[in-house]
Amino acid sequence: MILDTDIHNFYEHLVLKEIEKQGLQQQLTSDQMADLCCLTLNQLPSHYIRHDVDMIYFLTDAKRTEMETLVITSLKQALQKIEQAPIKSS
């Protein structure tokens, strides 16, 4: 078993999906994107799975909506921190 390829946090998928939906990857630098992902994921509960399809199959609509709302809220808070931080120059 290889932990980083066999097991992952389901919230990672939801966060990346929301970042794409909001078009944030076009607005932020790669360093800001990395910080945004870390800050967002650190606010969310861990939910480790092996296969996304298994999670989607067993997830109720209400729970999925709850998780997506939590991601949006956490992402908004993380984005505010990123926007307030000074931009580092290389």
N, C-alpha and C. Protein backbone atom coordinates (compact mmCIF):
# COMPACT_ATOMS: atom_id res chain seq x y z
N MET A 1 0.85 -1.18 0.00
CA MET A 1 0.00 0.00 0.00
C MET A 1 0.89 1.24 0.00
N ILE A 2 0.52 2.21 -0.82
CA ILE A 2 1.20 3.49 -0.84
C ILE A 2 0.19 4.54 -0.40
N LEU A 3 0.44 5.13 0.76
CA LEU A 3 -0.53 6.02 1.38
C LEU A 3 -0.94 7.19 0.49
N ASP A 4 -0.01 7.84 -0.17
CA ASP A 4 -0.38 9.02 -0.93
C ASP A 4 -1.07 8.73 -2.26
N THR A 5 -1.11 7.49 -2.69
CA THR A 5 -1.85 7.16 -3.90
C THR A 5 -3.04 6.26 -3.64
N ASP A 6 -3.02 5.49 -2.57
CA ASP A 6 -4.11 4.57 -2.27
C ASP A 6 -5.20 5.20 -1.41
N ILE A 7 -4.83 6.17 -0.61
CA ILE A 7 -5.77 6.77 0.33
C ILE A 7 -5.67 8.29 0.21
N HIS A 8 -6.82 8.96 0.20
CA HIS A 8 -6.80 10.43 0.19
C HIS A 8 -8.02 10.98 0.92
N ASN A 9 -7.91 12.25 1.23
CA ASN A 9 -8.99 12.95 1.92
C ASN A 9 -10.02 13.37 0.87
N PHE A 10 -11.25 12.95 1.01
CA PHE A 10 -12.30 13.26 0.04
C PHE A 10 -12.49 14.77 -0.11
N TYR A 11 -12.25 15.52 0.96
CA TYR A 11 -12.41 16.97 0.88
C TYR A 11 -11.45 17.60 -0.12
N GLU A 12 -10.31 16.97 -0.39
CA GLU A 12 -9.37 17.50 -1.38
C GLU A 12 -10.07 17.65 -2.73
N HIS A 13 -10.81 16.63 -3.12
CA HIS A 13 -11.55 16.66 -4.39
C HIS A 13 -12.58 17.80 -4.39
N LEU A 14 -13.30 17.95 -3.29
CA LEU A 14 -14.33 18.99 -3.21
C LEU A 14 -13.72 20.38 -3.25
N VAL A 15 -12.58 20.56 -2.58
CA VAL A 15 -11.91 21.86 -2.57
C VAL A 15 -11.41 22.21 -3.97
N LEU A 16 -10.74 21.28 -4.63
CA LEU A 16 -10.24 21.54 -5.98
C LEU A 16 -11.38 21.84 -6.96
N LYS A 17 -12.47 21.13 -6.81
CA LYS A 17 -13.64 21.35 -7.67
C LYS A 17 -14.19 22.77 -7.47
N GLU A 18 -14.26 23.21 -6.23
CA GLU A 18 -14.78 24.55 -5.94
C GLU A 18 -13.81 25.64 -6.40
N ILE A 19 -12.52 25.39 -6.27
CA ILE A 19 -11.52 26.35 -6.77
C ILE A 19 -11.67 26.53 -8.28
N GLU A 20 -11.86 25.44 -9.00
CA GLU A 20 -12.08 25.51 -10.44
C GLU A 20 -13.38 26.23 -10.77
N LYS A 21 -14.42 25.92 -10.02
CA LYS A 21 -15.73 26.54 -10.23
C LYS A 21 -15.65 28.05 -10.08
N GLN A 22 -14.87 28.52 -9.09
CA GLN A 22 -14.74 29.95 -8.84
C GLN A 22 -13.65 30.61 -9.69
N GLY A 23 -12.89 29.82 -10.43
CA GLY A 23 -11.84 30.36 -11.29
C GLY A 23 -10.67 30.95 -10.53
N LEU A 24 -10.44 30.48 -9.33
CA LEU A 24 -9.38 31.05 -8.49
C LEU A 24 -7.98 30.76 -9.01
N GLN A 25 -7.81 29.68 -9.75
CA GLN A 25 -6.47 29.35 -10.27
C GLN A 25 -5.99 30.39 -11.27
N GLN A 26 -6.89 31.17 -11.87
CA GLN A 26 -6.49 32.25 -12.78
C GLN A 26 -6.20 33.55 -12.03
N GLN A 27 -6.64 33.64 -10.78
CA GLN A 27 -6.50 34.88 -10.01
C GLN A 27 -5.30 34.87 -9.07
N LEU A 28 -4.81 33.69 -8.71
CA LEU A 28 -3.77 33.57 -7.70
C LEU A 28 -2.49 32.97 -8.26
N THR A 29 -1.38 33.29 -7.61
CA THR A 29 -0.11 32.68 -7.99
C THR A 29 -0.09 31.23 -7.52
N SER A 30 0.89 30.47 -7.97
CA SER A 30 0.98 29.07 -7.55
C SER A 30 1.25 28.98 -6.04
N ASP A 31 2.04 29.89 -5.49
CA ASP A 31 2.27 29.89 -4.04
C ASP A 31 0.98 30.21 -3.28
N GLN A 32 0.23 31.17 -3.78
CA GLN A 32 -1.04 31.51 -3.14
C GLN A 32 -2.03 30.35 -3.23
N MET A 33 -2.02 29.65 -4.37
CA MET A 33 -2.92 28.50 -4.53
C MET A 33 -2.57 27.41 -3.52
N ALA A 34 -1.29 27.15 -3.34
CA ALA A 34 -0.87 26.12 -2.37
C ALA A 34 -1.30 26.53 -0.96
N ASP A 35 -1.09 27.80 -0.63
CA ASP A 35 -1.51 28.29 0.69
C ASP A 35 -3.02 28.21 0.85
N LEU A 36 -3.74 28.57 -0.20
CA LEU A 36 -5.20 28.52 -0.17
C LEU A 36 -5.70 27.10 0.10
N CYS A 37 -5.12 26.14 -0.59
CA CYS A 37 -5.54 24.74 -0.39
C CYS A 37 -5.24 24.29 1.03
N CYS A 38 -4.06 24.60 1.53
CA CYS A 38 -3.70 24.20 2.89
C CYS A 38 -4.61 24.85 3.93
N LEU A 39 -4.81 26.16 3.81
CA LEU A 39 -5.65 26.87 4.77
C LEU A 39 -7.09 26.36 4.74
N THR A 40 -7.58 26.07 3.56
CA THR A 40 -8.96 25.56 3.43
C THR A 40 -9.08 24.16 4.02
N LEU A 41 -8.18 23.27 3.62
CA LEU A 41 -8.25 21.88 4.09
C LEU A 41 -8.04 21.77 5.60
N ASN A 42 -7.24 22.66 6.17
CA ASN A 42 -7.01 22.62 7.62
C ASN A 42 -8.25 23.01 8.42
N GLN A 43 -9.18 23.68 7.79
CA GLN A 43 -10.44 24.04 8.46
C GLN A 43 -11.48 22.92 8.38
N LEU A 44 -11.27 21.99 7.46
CA LEU A 44 -12.26 20.94 7.21
C LEU A 44 -11.94 19.66 7.96
N PRO A 45 -12.97 18.87 8.25
CA PRO A 45 -12.70 17.59 8.90
C PRO A 45 -12.02 16.63 7.91
N SER A 46 -11.29 15.69 8.43
CA SER A 46 -10.68 14.67 7.57
C SER A 46 -11.73 13.62 7.23
N HIS A 47 -11.71 13.19 6.00
CA HIS A 47 -12.62 12.12 5.57
C HIS A 47 -11.87 11.28 4.54
N TYR A 48 -11.08 10.36 5.02
CA TYR A 48 -10.20 9.57 4.16
C TYR A 48 -10.94 8.41 3.51
N ILE A 49 -10.64 8.23 2.23
CA ILE A 49 -11.27 7.18 1.44
C ILE A 49 -10.23 6.57 0.50
N ARG A 50 -10.59 5.46 -0.10
CA ARG A 50 -9.73 4.84 -1.12
C ARG A 50 -10.20 5.20 -2.52
N HIS A 51 -11.51 5.22 -2.74
CA HIS A 51 -12.06 5.45 -4.08
C HIS A 51 -13.19 6.47 -4.00
N ASP A 52 -13.10 7.52 -4.82
CA ASP A 52 -14.15 8.54 -4.84
C ASP A 52 -15.51 7.94 -5.17
N VAL A 53 -15.54 6.98 -6.07
CA VAL A 53 -16.81 6.40 -6.48
C VAL A 53 -17.53 5.74 -5.29
N ASP A 54 -16.78 5.14 -4.37
CA ASP A 54 -17.40 4.55 -3.18
C ASP A 54 -18.05 5.62 -2.31
N MET A 55 -17.37 6.74 -2.17
CA MET A 55 -17.90 7.83 -1.35
C MET A 55 -19.15 8.41 -1.98
N ILE A 56 -19.11 8.63 -3.25
CA ILE A 56 -20.25 9.22 -3.95
C ILE A 56 -21.47 8.29 -3.88
N TYR A 57 -21.23 7.00 -3.97
CA TYR A 57 -22.32 6.03 -3.93
C TYR A 57 -23.04 6.03 -2.57
N PHE A 58 -22.28 6.17 -1.48
CA PHE A 58 -22.86 6.08 -0.14
C PHE A 58 -23.25 7.43 0.45
N LEU A 59 -23.00 8.51 -0.24
CA LEU A 59 -23.27 9.85 0.27
C LEU A 59 -24.70 10.26 -0.05
N THR A 60 -25.44 10.70 0.97
CA THR A 60 -26.79 11.20 0.72
C THR A 60 -26.70 12.60 0.13
N ASP A 61 -27.76 13.03 -0.52
CA ASP A 61 -27.79 14.37 -1.10
C ASP A 61 -27.62 15.44 -0.01
N ALA A 62 -28.25 15.21 1.13
CA ALA A 62 -28.16 16.18 2.23
C ALA A 62 -26.73 16.29 2.76
N LYS A 63 -26.06 15.16 2.90
CA LYS A 63 -24.68 15.17 3.40
C LYS A 63 -23.75 15.81 2.39
N ARG A 64 -23.95 15.52 1.12
CA ARG A 64 -23.11 16.11 0.07
C ARG A 64 -23.28 17.63 0.05
N THR A 65 -24.51 18.10 0.16
CA THR A 65 -24.77 19.53 0.21
C THR A 65 -24.11 20.16 1.43
N GLU A 66 -24.19 19.48 2.55
CA GLU A 66 -23.55 19.96 3.78
C GLU A 66 -22.03 20.08 3.59
N MET A 67 -21.43 19.07 2.98
CA MET A 67 -19.98 19.08 2.76
C MET A 67 -19.59 20.19 1.78
N GLU A 68 -20.35 20.37 0.73
CA GLU A 68 -20.06 21.41 -0.26
C GLU A 68 -20.19 22.80 0.35
N THR A 69 -21.19 23.00 1.19
CA THR A 69 -21.37 24.28 1.87
C THR A 69 -20.21 24.56 2.82
N LEU A 70 -19.76 23.56 3.52
CA LEU A 70 -18.62 23.70 4.41
C LEU A 70 -17.35 24.05 3.63
N VAL A 71 -17.17 23.45 2.48
CA VAL A 71 -16.02 23.75 1.62
C VAL A 71 -16.08 25.21 1.17
N ILE A 72 -17.23 25.66 0.72
CA ILE A 72 -17.38 27.04 0.25
C ILE A 72 -17.06 28.03 1.37
N THR A 73 -17.57 27.78 2.56
CA THR A 73 -17.32 28.65 3.71
C THR A 73 -15.84 28.66 4.08
N SER A 74 -15.22 27.50 4.13
CA SER A 74 -13.80 27.39 4.48
C SER A 74 -12.92 28.03 3.42
N LEU A 75 -13.27 27.86 2.16
CA LEU A 75 -12.52 28.45 1.07
C LEU A 75 -12.60 29.97 1.12
N LYS A 76 -13.77 30.49 1.43
CA LYS A 76 -13.95 31.94 1.53
C LYS A 76 -13.08 32.51 2.64
N GLN A 77 -13.05 31.86 3.79
CA GLN A 77 -12.23 32.33 4.91
C GLN A 77 -10.74 32.26 4.56
N ALA A 78 -10.33 31.19 3.92
CA ALA A 78 -8.92 31.04 3.52
C ALA A 78 -8.54 32.10 2.49
N LEU A 79 -9.41 32.37 1.55
CA LEU A 79 -9.15 33.37 0.52
C LEU A 79 -8.99 34.75 1.14
N GLN A 80 -9.78 35.06 2.15
CA GLN A 80 -9.64 36.35 2.84
C GLN A 80 -8.25 36.48 3.47
N LYS A 81 -7.75 35.40 4.05
CA LYS A 81 -6.41 35.42 4.64
C LYS A 81 -5.35 35.62 3.57
N ILE A 82 -5.52 34.94 2.45
CA ILE A 82 -4.56 35.06 1.34
C ILE A 82 -4.55 36.49 0.81
N GLU A 83 -5.71 37.07 0.65
CA GLU A 83 -5.81 38.42 0.10
C GLU A 83 -5.23 39.47 1.05
N GLN A 84 -5.26 39.20 2.35
CA GLN A 84 -4.72 40.14 3.34
C GLN A 84 -3.22 40.02 3.50
N ALA A 85 -2.65 38.90 3.10
CA ALA A 85 -1.22 38.66 3.27
C ALA A 85 -0.43 39.39 2.17
N PRO A 86 0.72 39.91 2.51
CA PRO A 86 1.54 40.54 1.48
C PRO A 86 2.05 39.49 0.49
N ILE A 87 2.17 39.88 -0.76
CA ILE A 87 2.65 38.98 -1.81
C ILE A 87 4.18 38.88 -1.69
N LYS A 88 4.68 37.65 -1.63
CA LYS A 88 6.12 37.41 -1.56
C LYS A 88 6.71 37.52 -2.96
N SER A 89 7.83 38.19 -3.05
CA SER A 89 8.53 38.22 -4.34
C SER A 89 9.63 37.19 -4.34
N SER A 90 9.88 36.58 -5.48
CA SER A 90 10.88 35.51 -5.58
C SER A 90 12.28 36.04 -5.56
